[in-house]
Amino acid sequence: MGMADQFKDKAEQLKEQARQAKGKAKNEASERAAQGRDRSQDETQRAQQEAQDRFDQDYDA
């Protein structure tokens, strides 16, 4: 195996590592985005519930 073959093998190895790292980063970003959406929905629901509770209290008095 010559030096050129060694460099080609190393280049292929590095390319594959980069491809895997890119996929992993993409998955992590998707998970963080999903968590952010979930948190946002929870906050929206909580705010709506609080507004409804205040409204109900105003009319109970």
PDB file of N, CA and C in Angstrom:
ATOM      1  N   MET A   1       0.846  -1.165   0.000  1.00  0.00           N
ATOM      2  CA  MET A   1       0.000   0.000   0.000  1.00  0.00           C
ATOM      3  C   MET A   1       0.901   1.240   0.000  1.00  0.00           C
ATOM      4  N   GLY A   2       0.686   2.075  -0.975  1.00  0.00           N
ATOM      5  CA  GLY A   2       1.518   3.265  -1.110  1.00  0.00           C
ATOM      6  C   GLY A   2       0.990   4.425  -0.287  1.00  0.00           C
ATOM      7  N   MET A   3       1.776   5.479  -0.281  1.00  0.00           N
ATOM      8  CA  MET A   3       1.382   6.661   0.480  1.00  0.00           C
ATOM      9  C   MET A   3       0.092   7.264  -0.063  1.00  0.00           C
ATOM     10  N   ALA A   4      -0.079   7.232  -1.377  1.00  0.00           N
ATOM     11  CA  ALA A   4      -1.291   7.792  -1.968  1.00  0.00           C
ATOM     12  C   ALA A   4      -2.523   7.048  -1.461  1.00  0.00           C
ATOM     13  N   ASP A   5      -2.415   5.712  -1.373  1.00  0.00           N
ATOM     14  CA  ASP A   5      -3.534   4.918  -0.860  1.00  0.00           C
ATOM     15  C   ASP A   5      -3.830   5.254   0.598  1.00  0.00           C
ATOM     16  N   GLN A   6      -2.783   5.456   1.369  1.00  0.00           N
ATOM     17  CA  GLN A   6      -2.974   5.807   2.776  1.00  0.00           C
ATOM     18  C   GLN A   6      -3.702   7.141   2.913  1.00  0.00           C
ATOM     19  N   PHE A   7      -3.318   8.112   2.072  1.00  0.00           N
ATOM     20  CA  PHE A   7      -3.974   9.411   2.118  1.00  0.00           C
ATOM     21  C   PHE A   7      -5.432   9.315   1.677  1.00  0.00           C
ATOM     22  N   LYS A   8      -5.692   8.489   0.676  1.00  0.00           N
ATOM     23  CA  LYS A   8      -7.070   8.306   0.211  1.00  0.00           C
ATOM     24  C   LYS A   8      -7.911   7.678   1.307  1.00  0.00           C
ATOM     25  N   ASP A   9      -7.364   6.650   1.957  1.00  0.00           N
ATOM     26  CA  ASP A   9      -8.097   5.990   3.036  1.00  0.00           C
ATOM     27  C   ASP A   9      -8.389   6.962   4.172  1.00  0.00           C
ATOM     28  N   LYS A  10      -7.390   7.740   4.531  1.00  0.00           N
ATOM     29  CA  LYS A  10      -7.560   8.713   5.614  1.00  0.00           C
ATOM     30  C   LYS A  10      -8.599   9.766   5.224  1.00  0.00           C
ATOM     31  N   ALA A  11      -8.563  10.203   3.977  1.00  0.00           N
ATOM     32  CA  ALA A  11      -9.525  11.196   3.502  1.00  0.00           C
ATOM     33  C   ALA A  11     -10.944  10.623   3.560  1.00  0.00           C
ATOM     34  N   GLU A  12     -11.111   9.375   3.172  1.00  0.00           N
ATOM     35  CA  GLU A  12     -12.426   8.734   3.220  1.00  0.00           C
ATOM     36  C   GLU A  12     -12.906   8.611   4.667  1.00  0.00           C
ATOM     37  N   GLN A  13     -11.990   8.270   5.552  1.00  0.00           N
ATOM     38  CA  GLN A  13     -12.309   8.147   6.968  1.00  0.00           C
ATOM     39  C   GLN A  13     -12.788   9.492   7.522  1.00  0.00           C
ATOM     40  N   LEU A  14     -12.067  10.532   7.211  1.00  0.00           N
ATOM     41  CA  LEU A  14     -12.423  11.860   7.698  1.00  0.00           C
ATOM     42  C   LEU A  14     -13.756  12.341   7.111  1.00  0.00           C
ATOM     43  N   LYS A  15     -13.985  12.011   5.852  1.00  0.00           N
ATOM     44  CA  LYS A  15     -15.249  12.375   5.217  1.00  0.00           C
ATOM     45  C   LYS A  15     -16.420  11.704   5.927  1.00  0.00           C
ATOM     46  N   GLU A  16     -16.247  10.426   6.240  1.00  0.00           N
ATOM     47  CA  GLU A  16     -17.300   9.680   6.922  1.00  0.00           C
ATOM     48  C   GLU A  16     -17.535  10.234   8.333  1.00  0.00           C
ATOM     49  N   GLN A  17     -16.470  10.578   9.033  1.00  0.00           N
ATOM     50  CA  GLN A  17     -16.613  11.166  10.368  1.00  0.00           C
ATOM     51  C   GLN A  17     -17.357  12.502  10.295  1.00  0.00           C
ATOM     52  N   ALA A  18     -17.037  13.296   9.302  1.00  0.00           N
ATOM     53  CA  ALA A  18     -17.702  14.582   9.126  1.00  0.00           C
ATOM     54  C   ALA A  18     -19.182  14.384   8.814  1.00  0.00           C
ATOM     55  N   ARG A  19     -19.488  13.402   7.981  1.00  0.00           N
ATOM     56  CA  ARG A  19     -20.872  13.108   7.619  1.00  0.00           C
ATOM     57  C   ARG A  19     -21.655  12.693   8.869  1.00  0.00           C
ATOM     58  N   GLN A  20     -21.052  11.850   9.707  1.00  0.00           N
ATOM     59  CA  GLN A  20     -21.720  11.401  10.931  1.00  0.00           C
ATOM     60  C   GLN A  20     -21.911  12.560  11.908  1.00  0.00           C
ATOM     61  N   ALA A  21     -20.905  13.397  12.036  1.00  0.00           N
ATOM     62  CA  ALA A  21     -20.999  14.546  12.944  1.00  0.00           C
ATOM     63  C   ALA A  21     -22.100  15.501  12.483  1.00  0.00           C
ATOM     64  N   LYS A  22     -22.202  15.690  11.185  1.00  0.00           N
ATOM     65  CA  LYS A  22     -23.237  16.571  10.640  1.00  0.00           C
ATOM     66  C   LYS A  22     -24.623  16.010  10.952  1.00  0.00           C
ATOM     67  N   GLY A  23     -24.790  14.706  10.772  1.00  0.00           N
ATOM     68  CA  GLY A  23     -26.074  14.074  11.067  1.00  0.00           C
ATOM     69  C   GLY A  23     -26.423  14.179  12.536  1.00  0.00           C
ATOM     70  N   LYS A  24     -25.444  13.984  13.400  1.00  0.00           N
ATOM     71  CA  LYS A  24     -25.667  14.068  14.843  1.00  0.00           C
ATOM     72  C   LYS A  24     -26.064  15.487  15.244  1.00  0.00           C
ATOM     73  N   ALA A  25     -25.372  16.464  14.695  1.00  0.00           N
ATOM     74  CA  ALA A  25     -25.678  17.860  15.002  1.00  0.00           C
ATOM     75  C   ALA A  25     -27.085  18.215  14.531  1.00  0.00           C
ATOM     76  N   LYS A  26     -27.455  17.701  13.377  1.00  0.00           N
ATOM     77  CA  LYS A  26     -28.780  17.973  12.830  1.00  0.00           C
ATOM     78  C   LYS A  26     -29.858  17.380  13.739  1.00  0.00           C
ATOM     79  N   ASN A  27     -29.637  16.150  14.217  1.00  0.00           N
ATOM     80  CA  ASN A  27     -30.592  15.513  15.113  1.00  0.00           C
ATOM     81  C   ASN A  27     -30.723  16.274  16.426  1.00  0.00           C
ATOM     82  N   GLU A  28     -29.597  16.715  16.971  1.00  0.00           N
ATOM     83  CA  GLU A  28     -29.624  17.458  18.222  1.00  0.00           C
ATOM     84  C   GLU A  28     -30.367  18.781  18.057  1.00  0.00           C
ATOM     85  N   ALA A  29     -30.156  19.436  16.934  1.00  0.00           N
ATOM     86  CA  ALA A  29     -30.842  20.699  16.679  1.00  0.00           C
ATOM     87  C   ALA A  29     -32.349  20.476  16.565  1.00  0.00           C
ATOM     88  N   SER A  30     -32.735  19.388  15.919  1.00  0.00           N
ATOM     89  CA  SER A  30     -34.161  19.069  15.787  1.00  0.00           C
ATOM     90  C   SER A  30     -34.782  18.807  17.150  1.00  0.00           C
ATOM     91  N   GLU A  31     -34.064  18.094  18.006  1.00  0.00           N
ATOM     92  CA  GLU A  31     -34.577  17.805  19.347  1.00  0.00           C
ATOM     93  C   GLU A  31     -34.733  19.082  20.162  1.00  0.00           C
ATOM     94  N   ARG A  32     -33.739  19.972  20.074  1.00  0.00           N
ATOM     95  CA  ARG A  32     -33.830  21.236  20.814  1.00  0.00           C
ATOM     96  C   ARG A  32     -35.002  22.075  20.312  1.00  0.00           C
ATOM     97  N   ALA A  33     -35.220  22.078  19.015  1.00  0.00           N
ATOM     98  CA  ALA A  33     -36.330  22.849  18.454  1.00  0.00           C
ATOM     99  C   ALA A  33     -37.662  22.283  18.938  1.00  0.00           C
ATOM    100  N   ALA A  34     -37.767  20.965  18.956  1.00  0.00           N
ATOM    101  CA  ALA A  34     -38.999  20.328  19.422  1.00  0.00           C
ATOM    102  C   ALA A  34     -39.252  20.653  20.890  1.00  0.00           C
ATOM    103  N   GLN A  35     -38.207  20.631  21.692  1.00  0.00           N
ATOM    104  CA  GLN A  35     -38.359  20.961  23.111  1.00  0.00           C
ATOM    105  C   GLN A  35     -38.799  22.413  23.276  1.00  0.00           C
ATOM    106  N   GLY A  36     -38.265  23.286  22.461  1.00  0.00           N
ATOM    107  CA  GLY A  36     -38.652  24.691  22.517  1.00  0.00           C
ATOM    108  C   GLY A  36     -40.108  24.886  22.165  1.00  0.00           C
ATOM    109  N   ARG A  37     -40.584  24.159  21.151  1.00  0.00           N
ATOM    110  CA  ARG A  37     -41.995  24.246  20.774  1.00  0.00           C
ATOM    111  C   ARG A  37     -42.883  23.728  21.900  1.00  0.00           C
ATOM    112  N   ASP A  38     -42.482  22.611  22.517  1.00  0.00           N
ATOM    113  CA  ASP A  38     -43.264  22.058  23.621  1.00  0.00           C
ATOM    114  C   ASP A  38     -43.360  23.053  24.759  1.00  0.00           C
ATOM    115  N   ARG A  39     -42.247  23.659  25.100  1.00  0.00           N
ATOM    116  CA  ARG A  39     -42.212  24.625  26.192  1.00  0.00           C
ATOM    117  C   ARG A  39     -43.101  25.818  25.843  1.00  0.00           C
ATOM    118  N   SER A  40     -43.046  26.255  24.600  1.00  0.00           N
ATOM    119  CA  SER A  40     -43.836  27.399  24.162  1.00  0.00           C
ATOM    120  C   SER A  40     -45.327  27.079  24.262  1.00  0.00           C
ATOM    121  N   GLN A  41     -45.714  25.882  23.874  1.00  0.00           N
ATOM    122  CA  GLN A  41     -47.121  25.483  23.958  1.00  0.00           C
ATOM    123  C   GLN A  41     -47.577  25.420  25.413  1.00  0.00           C
ATOM    124  N   ASP A  42     -46.725  24.900  26.285  1.00  0.00           N
ATOM    125  CA  ASP A  42     -47.064  24.838  27.707  1.00  0.00           C
ATOM    126  C   ASP A  42     -47.286  26.239  28.261  1.00  0.00           C
ATOM    127  N   GLU A  43     -46.408  27.168  27.901  1.00  0.00           N
ATOM    128  CA  GLU A  43     -46.537  28.539  28.385  1.00  0.00           C
ATOM    129  C   GLU A  43     -47.815  29.184  27.860  1.00  0.00           C
ATOM    130  N   THR A  44     -48.147  28.912  26.625  1.00  0.00           N
ATOM    131  CA  THR A  44     -49.368  29.460  26.035  1.00  0.00           C
ATOM    132  C   THR A  44     -50.590  28.918  26.751  1.00  0.00           C
ATOM    133  N   GLN A  45     -50.604  27.612  26.991  1.00  0.00           N
ATOM    134  CA  GLN A  45     -51.736  27.014  27.685  1.00  0.00           C
ATOM    135  C   GLN A  45     -51.872  27.560  29.103  1.00  0.00           C
ATOM    136  N   ARG A  46     -50.743  27.717  29.782  1.00  0.00           N
ATOM    137  CA  ARG A  46     -50.765  28.249  31.145  1.00  0.00           C
ATOM    138  C   ARG A  46     -51.310  29.678  31.143  1.00  0.00           C
ATOM    139  N   ALA A  47     -50.874  30.485  30.198  1.00  0.00           N
ATOM    140  CA  ALA A  47     -51.349  31.866  30.117  1.00  0.00           C
ATOM    141  C   ALA A  47     -52.843  31.905  29.826  1.00  0.00           C
ATOM    142  N   GLN A  48     -53.305  31.036  28.939  1.00  0.00           N
ATOM    143  CA  GLN A  48     -54.733  30.997  28.634  1.00  0.00           C
ATOM    144  C   GLN A  48     -55.542  30.580  29.861  1.00  0.00           C
ATOM    145  N   GLN A  49     -55.035  29.604  30.597  1.00  0.00           N
ATOM    146  CA  GLN A  49     -55.727  29.140  31.791  1.00  0.00           C
ATOM    147  C   GLN A  49     -55.786  30.238  32.851  1.00  0.00           C
ATOM    148  N   GLU A  50     -54.676  30.959  33.018  1.00  0.00           N
ATOM    149  CA  GLU A  50     -54.656  32.054  33.985  1.00  0.00           C
ATOM    150  C   GLU A  50     -55.651  33.146  33.596  1.00  0.00           C
ATOM    151  N   ALA A  51     -55.706  33.458  32.304  1.00  0.00           N
ATOM    152  CA  ALA A  51     -56.647  34.478  31.831  1.00  0.00           C
ATOM    153  C   ALA A  51     -58.081  34.018  32.074  1.00  0.00           C
ATOM    154  N   GLN A  52     -58.353  32.764  31.820  1.00  0.00           N
ATOM    155  CA  GLN A  52     -59.696  32.225  32.036  1.00  0.00           C
ATOM    156  C   GLN A  52     -60.052  32.254  33.529  1.00  0.00           C
ATOM    157  N   ASP A  53     -59.077  31.901  34.361  1.00  0.00           N
ATOM    158  CA  ASP A  53     -59.302  31.924  35.812  1.00  0.00           C
ATOM    159  C   ASP A  53     -59.614  33.342  36.297  1.00  0.00           C
ATOM    160  N   ARG A  54     -58.856  34.334  35.801  1.00  0.00           N
ATOM    161  CA  ARG A  54     -59.102  35.732  36.187  1.00  0.00           C
ATOM    162  C   ARG A  54     -60.500  36.168  35.718  1.00  0.00           C
ATOM    163  N   PHE A  55     -60.845  35.783  34.524  1.00  0.00           N
ATOM    164  CA  PHE A  55     -62.151  36.121  33.964  1.00  0.00           C
ATOM    165  C   PHE A  55     -63.256  35.518  34.834  1.00  0.00           C
ATOM    166  N   ASP A  56     -63.079  34.247  35.184  1.00  0.00           N
ATOM    167  CA  ASP A  56     -64.075  33.567  36.021  1.00  0.00           C
ATOM    168  C   ASP A  56     -64.183  34.227  37.390  1.00  0.00           C
ATOM    169  N   GLN A  57     -63.067  34.632  37.972  1.00  0.00           N
ATOM    170  CA  GLN A  57     -63.079  35.277  39.276  1.00  0.00           C
ATOM    171  C   GLN A  57     -63.796  36.625  39.210  1.00  0.00           C
ATOM    172  N   ASP A  58     -63.606  37.338  38.117  1.00  0.00           N
ATOM    173  CA  ASP A  58     -64.255  38.640  37.959  1.00  0.00           C
ATOM    174  C   ASP A  58     -65.775  38.477  37.958  1.00  0.00           C
ATOM    175  N   TYR A  59     -66.267  37.435  37.354  1.00  0.00           N
ATOM    176  CA  TYR A  59     -67.713  37.252  37.243  1.00  0.00           C
ATOM    177  C   TYR A  59     -68.306  36.478  38.426  1.00  0.00           C
ATOM    178  N   ASP A  60     -67.461  35.864  39.234  1.00  0.00           N
ATOM    179  CA  ASP A  60     -67.943  35.182  40.431  1.00  0.00           C
ATOM    180  C   ASP A  60     -68.234  36.188  41.550  1.00  0.00           C
ATOM    181  N   ALA A  61     -67.535  37.294  41.513  1.00  0.00           N
ATOM    182  CA  ALA A  61     -67.670  38.279  42.603  1.00  0.00           C
ATOM    183  C   ALA A  61     -68.909  39.104  42.520  1.00  0.00           C
TER     184      ALA A  61
END
